[in-house]
Amino acid sequence: MRSTREMRRLVTVLLKGAAEARFYPEDLRRAAQVHSRRLYPMLDTLEQRGWLTGGWDEPDKTHRYYVLTDEGRRELAKP
């Protein structure tokens, strides 16, 4: 299933990041090799589960970023 492979690639990218690292969607899209139409629903799912938190860069709030939560790091690291 393609979406499962894409989610695994996204999770791998997230887990390689340092704690408190900010992940920007365009960087995630490129690193995980996922089309943006599929990336945003995956990010939304992870955020709804509490595994990612989202925010906006200041001061213009035009760039959204995501941070992997401690709970997310634990859950996503499970085999």
PDB file of N, CA and C in Angstrom:
ATOM      1  N   MET A   1       0.847  -1.177   0.000  1.00  0.00           N
ATOM      2  CA  MET A   1       0.000   0.000   0.000  1.00  0.00           C
ATOM      3  C   MET A   1       0.892   1.240   0.000  1.00  0.00           C
ATOM      4  N   ARG A   2       0.650   2.113  -0.949  1.00  0.00           N
ATOM      5  CA  ARG A   2       1.510   3.287  -1.123  1.00  0.00           C
ATOM      6  C   ARG A   2       1.475   4.215   0.083  1.00  0.00           C
ATOM      7  N   SER A   3       0.293   4.435   0.647  1.00  0.00           N
ATOM      8  CA  SER A   3       0.206   5.376   1.765  1.00  0.00           C
ATOM      9  C   SER A   3       0.983   4.881   2.978  1.00  0.00           C
ATOM     10  N   THR A   4       1.029   3.566   3.186  1.00  0.00           N
ATOM     11  CA  THR A   4       1.800   3.012   4.295  1.00  0.00           C
ATOM     12  C   THR A   4       3.288   3.254   4.074  1.00  0.00           C
ATOM     13  N   ARG A   5       3.756   3.046   2.857  1.00  0.00           N
ATOM     14  CA  ARG A   5       5.172   3.303   2.551  1.00  0.00           C
ATOM     15  C   ARG A   5       5.500   4.778   2.718  1.00  0.00           C
ATOM     16  N   GLU A   6       4.597   5.629   2.269  1.00  0.00           N
ATOM     17  CA  GLU A   6       4.826   7.069   2.396  1.00  0.00           C
ATOM     18  C   GLU A   6       4.864   7.481   3.860  1.00  0.00           C
ATOM     19  N   MET A   7       3.960   6.928   4.665  1.00  0.00           N
ATOM     20  CA  MET A   7       3.947   7.250   6.096  1.00  0.00           C
ATOM     21  C   MET A   7       5.240   6.773   6.744  1.00  0.00           C
ATOM     22  N   ARG A   8       5.716   5.607   6.376  1.00  0.00           N
ATOM     23  CA  ARG A   8       6.985   5.106   6.934  1.00  0.00           C
ATOM     24  C   ARG A   8       8.141   6.033   6.586  1.00  0.00           C
ATOM     25  N   ARG A   9       8.167   6.507   5.344  1.00  0.00           N
ATOM     26  CA  ARG A   9       9.235   7.440   4.948  1.00  0.00           C
ATOM     27  C   ARG A   9       9.136   8.735   5.743  1.00  0.00           C
ATOM     28  N   LEU A  10       7.915   9.231   5.930  1.00  0.00           N
ATOM     29  CA  LEU A  10       7.721  10.456   6.710  1.00  0.00           C
ATOM     30  C   LEU A  10       8.168  10.246   8.151  1.00  0.00           C
ATOM     31  N   VAL A  11       7.780   9.129   8.750  1.00  0.00           N
ATOM     32  CA  VAL A  11       8.160   8.827  10.133  1.00  0.00           C
ATOM     33  C   VAL A  11       9.678   8.742  10.258  1.00  0.00           C
ATOM     34  N   THR A  12      10.337   8.127   9.300  1.00  0.00           N
ATOM     35  CA  THR A  12      11.800   8.024   9.320  1.00  0.00           C
ATOM     36  C   THR A  12      12.437   9.406   9.338  1.00  0.00           C
ATOM     37  N   VAL A  13      11.935  10.293   8.507  1.00  0.00           N
ATOM     38  CA  VAL A  13      12.465  11.665   8.461  1.00  0.00           C
ATOM     39  C   VAL A  13      12.241  12.358   9.804  1.00  0.00           C
ATOM     40  N   LEU A  14      11.051  12.225  10.362  1.00  0.00           N
ATOM     41  CA  LEU A  14      10.742  12.874  11.639  1.00  0.00           C
ATOM     42  C   LEU A  14      11.637  12.353  12.759  1.00  0.00           C
ATOM     43  N   LEU A  15      11.846  11.043  12.806  1.00  0.00           N
ATOM     44  CA  LEU A  15      12.647  10.463  13.882  1.00  0.00           C
ATOM     45  C   LEU A  15      14.130  10.810  13.761  1.00  0.00           C
ATOM     46  N   LYS A  16      14.599  11.121  12.571  1.00  0.00           N
ATOM     47  CA  LYS A  16      16.000  11.515  12.393  1.00  0.00           C
ATOM     48  C   LYS A  16      16.260  12.934  12.881  1.00  0.00           C
ATOM     49  N   GLY A  17      15.213  13.715  13.042  1.00  0.00           N
ATOM     50  CA  GLY A  17      15.364  15.093  13.494  1.00  0.00           C
ATOM     51  C   GLY A  17      15.700  15.169  14.972  1.00  0.00           C
ATOM     52  N   ALA A  18      16.367  16.228  15.346  1.00  0.00           N
ATOM     53  CA  ALA A  18      16.698  16.457  16.751  1.00  0.00           C
ATOM     54  C   ALA A  18      15.430  16.784  17.530  1.00  0.00           C
ATOM     55  N   ALA A  19      15.477  16.543  18.825  1.00  0.00           N
ATOM     56  CA  ALA A  19      14.347  16.912  19.675  1.00  0.00           C
ATOM     57  C   ALA A  19      14.100  18.408  19.528  1.00  0.00           C
ATOM     58  N   GLU A  20      12.862  18.792  19.462  1.00  0.00           N
ATOM     59  CA  GLU A  20      12.441  20.189  19.314  1.00  0.00           C
ATOM     60  C   GLU A  20      12.757  20.776  17.941  1.00  0.00           C
ATOM     61  N   ALA A  21      13.178  19.935  16.994  1.00  0.00           N
ATOM     62  CA  ALA A  21      13.452  20.434  15.640  1.00  0.00           C
ATOM     63  C   ALA A  21      12.150  20.880  14.986  1.00  0.00           C
ATOM     64  N   ARG A  22      12.229  21.948  14.212  1.00  0.00           N
ATOM     65  CA  ARG A  22      11.073  22.405  13.443  1.00  0.00           C
ATOM     66  C   ARG A  22      11.136  21.773  12.058  1.00  0.00           C
ATOM     67  N   PHE A  23      10.052  21.161  11.678  1.00  0.00           N
ATOM     68  CA  PHE A  23       9.948  20.538  10.365  1.00  0.00           C
ATOM     69  C   PHE A  23       8.993  21.360   9.520  1.00  0.00           C
ATOM     70  N   TYR A  24       9.474  21.786   8.367  1.00  0.00           N
ATOM     71  CA  TYR A  24       8.639  22.555   7.447  1.00  0.00           C
ATOM     72  C   TYR A  24       8.100  21.614   6.376  1.00  0.00           C
ATOM     73  N   PRO A  25       6.829  21.781   6.008  1.00  0.00           N
ATOM     74  CA  PRO A  25       6.210  20.850   5.058  1.00  0.00           C
ATOM     75  C   PRO A  25       7.001  20.637   3.769  1.00  0.00           C
ATOM     76  N   GLU A  26       7.527  21.678   3.190  1.00  0.00           N
ATOM     77  CA  GLU A  26       8.260  21.513   1.927  1.00  0.00           C
ATOM     78  C   GLU A  26       9.504  20.653   2.125  1.00  0.00           C
ATOM     79  N   ASP A  27      10.197  20.842   3.252  1.00  0.00           N
ATOM     80  CA  ASP A  27      11.369  20.017   3.544  1.00  0.00           C
ATOM     81  C   ASP A  27      10.966  18.563   3.783  1.00  0.00           C
ATOM     82  N   LEU A  28       9.873  18.363   4.516  1.00  0.00           N
ATOM     83  CA  LEU A  28       9.382  17.005   4.758  1.00  0.00           C
ATOM     84  C   LEU A  28       8.977  16.334   3.452  1.00  0.00           C
ATOM     85  N   ARG A  29       8.305  17.086   2.601  1.00  0.00           N
ATOM     86  CA  ARG A  29       7.840  16.547   1.323  1.00  0.00           C
ATOM     87  C   ARG A  29       9.020  16.035   0.498  1.00  0.00           C
ATOM     88  N   ARG A  30      10.062  16.850   0.423  1.00  0.00           N
ATOM     89  CA  ARG A  30      11.242  16.461  -0.351  1.00  0.00           C
ATOM     90  C   ARG A  30      11.971  15.277   0.284  1.00  0.00           C
ATOM     91  N   ALA A  31      12.198  15.350   1.590  1.00  0.00           N
ATOM     92  CA  ALA A  31      12.966  14.306   2.271  1.00  0.00           C
ATOM     93  C   ALA A  31      12.240  12.961   2.264  1.00  0.00           C
ATOM     94  N   ALA A  32      10.933  12.986   2.421  1.00  0.00           N
ATOM     95  CA  ALA A  32      10.154  11.743   2.463  1.00  0.00           C
ATOM     96  C   ALA A  32       9.675  11.313   1.081  1.00  0.00           C
ATOM     97  N   GLN A  33       9.908  12.151   0.088  1.00  0.00           N
ATOM     98  CA  GLN A  33       9.481  11.875  -1.286  1.00  0.00           C
ATOM     99  C   GLN A  33       7.983  11.576  -1.345  1.00  0.00           C
ATOM    100  N   VAL A  34       7.215  12.515  -0.787  1.00  0.00           N
ATOM    101  CA  VAL A  34       5.761  12.394  -0.727  1.00  0.00           C
ATOM    102  C   VAL A  34       5.163  13.614  -1.409  1.00  0.00           C
ATOM    103  N   HIS A  35       4.143  13.401  -2.207  1.00  0.00           N
ATOM    104  CA  HIS A  35       3.454  14.518  -2.860  1.00  0.00           C
ATOM    105  C   HIS A  35       2.703  15.320  -1.799  1.00  0.00           C
ATOM    106  N   SER A  36       2.642  16.626  -1.970  1.00  0.00           N
ATOM    107  CA  SER A  36       1.998  17.489  -0.970  1.00  0.00           C
ATOM    108  C   SER A  36       0.533  17.125  -0.744  1.00  0.00           C
ATOM    109  N   ARG A  37      -0.143  16.604  -1.768  1.00  0.00           N
ATOM    110  CA  ARG A  37      -1.545  16.197  -1.582  1.00  0.00           C
ATOM    111  C   ARG A  37      -1.675  15.068  -0.586  1.00  0.00           C
ATOM    112  N   ARG A  38      -0.637  14.283  -0.441  1.00  0.00           N
ATOM    113  CA  ARG A  38      -0.679  13.165   0.506  1.00  0.00           C
ATOM    114  C   ARG A  38      -0.007  13.545   1.829  1.00  0.00           C
ATOM    115  N   LEU A  39       0.925  14.485   1.778  1.00  0.00           N
ATOM    116  CA  LEU A  39       1.653  14.877   2.981  1.00  0.00           C
ATOM    117  C   LEU A  39       0.744  15.536   4.009  1.00  0.00           C
ATOM    118  N   TYR A  40      -0.042  16.506   3.585  1.00  0.00           N
ATOM    119  CA  TYR A  40      -0.844  17.266   4.549  1.00  0.00           C
ATOM    120  C   TYR A  40      -1.848  16.406   5.310  1.00  0.00           C
ATOM    121  N   PRO A  41      -2.529  15.459   4.679  1.00  0.00           N
ATOM    122  CA  PRO A  41      -3.404  14.581   5.468  1.00  0.00           C
ATOM    123  C   PRO A  41      -2.632  13.745   6.494  1.00  0.00           C
ATOM    124  N   MET A  42      -1.420  13.318   6.136  1.00  0.00           N
ATOM    125  CA  MET A  42      -0.613  12.560   7.094  1.00  0.00           C
ATOM    126  C   MET A  42      -0.204  13.449   8.268  1.00  0.00           C
ATOM    127  N   LEU A  43       0.216  14.674   7.979  1.00  0.00           N
ATOM    128  CA  LEU A  43       0.584  15.600   9.055  1.00  0.00           C
ATOM    129  C   LEU A  43      -0.620  15.891   9.944  1.00  0.00           C
ATOM    130  N   ASP A  44      -1.787  16.068   9.344  1.00  0.00           N
ATOM    131  CA  ASP A  44      -3.009  16.312  10.122  1.00  0.00           C
ATOM    132  C   ASP A  44      -3.312  15.143  11.047  1.00  0.00           C
ATOM    133  N   THR A  45      -3.169  13.922  10.541  1.00  0.00           N
ATOM    134  CA  THR A  45      -3.415  12.732  11.358  1.00  0.00           C
ATOM    135  C   THR A  45      -2.463  12.682  12.543  1.00  0.00           C
ATOM    136  N   LEU A  46      -1.188  12.917  12.291  1.00  0.00           N
ATOM    137  CA  LEU A  46      -0.199  12.887  13.372  1.00  0.00           C
ATOM    138  C   LEU A  46      -0.456  13.997  14.386  1.00  0.00           C
ATOM    139  N   GLU A  47      -0.896  15.143  13.910  1.00  0.00           N
ATOM    140  CA  GLU A  47      -1.196  16.253  14.818  1.00  0.00           C
ATOM    141  C   GLU A  47      -2.437  15.939  15.653  1.00  0.00           C
ATOM    142  N   GLN A  48      -3.453  15.345  15.057  1.00  0.00           N
ATOM    143  CA  GLN A  48      -4.668  14.987  15.794  1.00  0.00           C
ATOM    144  C   GLN A  48      -4.384  13.954  16.878  1.00  0.00           C
ATOM    145  N   ARG A  49      -3.432  13.082  16.635  1.00  0.00           N
ATOM    146  CA  ARG A  49      -3.057  12.073  17.635  1.00  0.00           C
ATOM    147  C   ARG A  49      -2.195  12.666  18.748  1.00  0.00           C
ATOM    148  N   GLY A  50      -1.749  13.900  18.564  1.00  0.00           N
ATOM    149  CA  GLY A  50      -0.895  14.538  19.559  1.00  0.00           C
ATOM    150  C   GLY A  50       0.572  14.211  19.384  1.00  0.00           C
ATOM    151  N   TRP A  51       0.931  13.649  18.244  1.00  0.00           N
ATOM    152  CA  TRP A  51       2.311  13.250  17.999  1.00  0.00           C
ATOM    153  C   TRP A  51       3.123  14.363  17.360  1.00  0.00           C
ATOM    154  N   LEU A  52       2.453  15.332  16.788  1.00  0.00           N
ATOM    155  CA  LEU A  52       3.073  16.540  16.249  1.00  0.00           C
ATOM    156  C   LEU A  52       2.317  17.731  16.789  1.00  0.00           C
ATOM    157  N   THR A  53       3.018  18.832  16.960  1.00  0.00           N
ATOM    158  CA  THR A  53       2.341  20.100  17.219  1.00  0.00           C
ATOM    159  C   THR A  53       2.738  21.041  16.092  1.00  0.00           C
ATOM    160  N   GLY A  54       1.820  21.885  15.723  1.00  0.00           N
ATOM    161  CA  GLY A  54       2.086  22.817  14.638  1.00  0.00           C
ATOM    162  C   GLY A  54       2.156  24.239  15.148  1.00  0.00           C
ATOM    163  N   GLY A  55       2.838  25.064  14.401  1.00  0.00           N
ATOM    164  CA  GLY A  55       2.943  26.476  14.738  1.00  0.00           C
ATOM    165  C   GLY A  55       3.229  27.279  13.491  1.00  0.00           C
ATOM    166  N   TRP A  56       3.310  28.581  13.673  1.00  0.00           N
ATOM    167  CA  TRP A  56       3.579  29.504  12.569  1.00  0.00           C
ATOM    168  C   TRP A  56       4.795  30.338  12.905  1.00  0.00           C
ATOM    169  N   ASP A  57       5.670  30.524  11.912  1.00  0.00           N
ATOM    170  CA  ASP A  57       6.824  31.399  12.103  1.00  0.00           C
ATOM    171  C   ASP A  57       6.351  32.823  12.367  1.00  0.00           C
ATOM    172  N   GLU A  58       7.035  33.487  13.245  1.00  0.00           N
ATOM    173  CA  GLU A  58       6.760  34.897  13.526  1.00  0.00           C
ATOM    174  C   GLU A  58       7.669  35.742  12.642  1.00  0.00           C
ATOM    175  N   PRO A  59       7.397  36.947  12.323  1.00  0.00           N
ATOM    176  CA  PRO A  59       6.202  37.698  12.687  1.00  0.00           C
ATOM    177  C   PRO A  59       5.089  37.608  11.642  1.00  0.00           C
ATOM    178  N   ASP A  60       5.422  37.128  10.440  1.00  0.00           N
ATOM    179  CA  ASP A  60       4.426  37.189   9.368  1.00  0.00           C
ATOM    180  C   ASP A  60       3.467  36.003   9.332  1.00  0.00           C
ATOM    181  N   LYS A  61       3.791  34.950  10.034  1.00  0.00           N
ATOM    182  CA  LYS A  61       2.944  33.759  10.122  1.00  0.00           C
ATOM    183  C   LYS A  61       2.575  33.188   8.755  1.00  0.00           C
ATOM    184  N   THR A  62       3.529  33.189   7.849  1.00  0.00           N
ATOM    185  CA  THR A  62       3.268  32.628   6.529  1.00  0.00           C
ATOM    186  C   THR A  62       3.847  31.226   6.368  1.00  0.00           C
ATOM    187  N   HIS A  63       4.709  30.809   7.288  1.00  0.00           N
ATOM    188  CA  HIS A  63       5.339  29.493   7.184  1.00  0.00           C
ATOM    189  C   HIS A  63       4.929  28.617   8.364  1.00  0.00           C
ATOM    190  N   ARG A  64       4.237  27.549   8.058  1.00  0.00           N
ATOM    191  CA  ARG A  64       3.805  26.600   9.084  1.00  0.00           C
ATOM    192  C   ARG A  64       4.953  25.624   9.332  1.00  0.00           C
ATOM    193  N   TYR A  65       5.091  25.213  10.575  1.00  0.00           N
ATOM    194  CA  TYR A  65       6.084  24.201  10.915  1.00  0.00           C
ATOM    195  C   TYR A  65       5.462  23.199  11.873  1.00  0.00           C
ATOM    196  N   TYR A  66       6.118  22.078  12.023  1.00  0.00           N
ATOM    197  CA  TYR A  66       5.663  21.022  12.924  1.00  0.00           C
ATOM    198  C   TYR A  66       6.824  20.607  13.807  1.00  0.00           C
ATOM    199  N   VAL A  67       6.504  20.233  15.039  1.00  0.00           N
ATOM    200  CA  VAL A  67       7.490  19.734  15.990  1.00  0.00           C
ATOM    201  C   VAL A  67       6.985  18.385  16.485  1.00  0.00           C
ATOM    202  N   LEU A  68       7.857  17.398  16.496  1.00  0.00           N
ATOM    203  CA  LEU A  68       7.518  16.074  16.997  1.00  0.00           C
ATOM    204  C   LEU A  68       7.450  16.138  18.520  1.00  0.00           C
ATOM    205  N   THR A  69       6.340  15.705  19.094  1.00  0.00           N
ATOM    206  CA  THR A  69       6.192  15.720  20.550  1.00  0.00           C
ATOM    207  C   THR A  69       6.946  14.534  21.156  1.00  0.00           C
ATOM    208  N   ASP A  70       7.159  14.580  22.469  1.00  0.00           N
ATOM    209  CA  ASP A  70       7.804  13.453  23.146  1.00  0.00           C
ATOM    210  C   ASP A  70       6.969  12.187  22.965  1.00  0.00           C
ATOM    211  N   GLU A  71       5.654  12.331  23.112  1.00  0.00           N
ATOM    212  CA  GLU A  71       4.760  11.183  22.913  1.00  0.00           C
ATOM    213  C   GLU A  71       4.867  10.664  21.479  1.00  0.00           C
ATOM    214  N   GLY A  72       4.915  11.580  20.530  1.00  0.00           N
ATOM    215  CA  GLY A  72       5.048  11.189  19.134  1.00  0.00           C
ATOM    216  C   GLY A  72       6.340  10.446  18.870  1.00  0.00           C
ATOM    217  N   ARG A  73       7.428  10.926  19.445  1.00  0.00           N
ATOM    218  CA  ARG A  73       8.721  10.260  19.264  1.00  0.00           C
ATOM    219  C   ARG A  73       8.654   8.837  19.820  1.00  0.00           C
ATOM    220  N   ARG A  74       8.041   8.676  20.996  1.00  0.00           N
ATOM    221  CA  ARG A  74       7.911   7.331  21.587  1.00  0.00           C
ATOM    222  C   ARG A  74       7.042   6.429  20.711  1.00  0.00           C
ATOM    223  N   GLU A  75       5.881   6.937  20.311  1.00  0.00           N
ATOM    224  CA  GLU A  75       4.939   6.128  19.533  1.00  0.00           C
ATOM    225  C   GLU A  75       5.487   5.776  18.156  1.00  0.00           C
ATOM    226  N   LEU A  76       6.100   6.732  17.499  1.00  0.00           N
ATOM    227  CA  LEU A  76       6.592   6.484  16.146  1.00  0.00           C
ATOM    228  C   LEU A  76       7.842   5.614  16.131  1.00  0.00           C
ATOM    229  N   ALA A  77       8.550   5.555  17.249  1.00  0.00           N
ATOM    230  CA  ALA A  77       9.754   4.728  17.327  1.00  0.00           C
ATOM    231  C   ALA A  77       9.429   3.260  17.581  1.00  0.00           C
ATOM    232  N   LYS A  78       8.184   2.968  17.939  1.00  0.00           N
ATOM    233  CA  LYS A  78       7.790   1.577  18.179  1.00  0.00           C
ATOM    234  C   LYS A  78       7.850   0.796  16.871  1.00  0.00           C
ATOM    235  N   PRO A  79       8.310  -0.470  16.968  1.00  0.00           N
ATOM    236  CA  PRO A  79       8.393  -1.287  15.740  1.00  0.00           C
ATOM    237  C   PRO A  79       7.032  -1.633  15.168  1.00  0.00           C
TER     238      PRO A  79
END
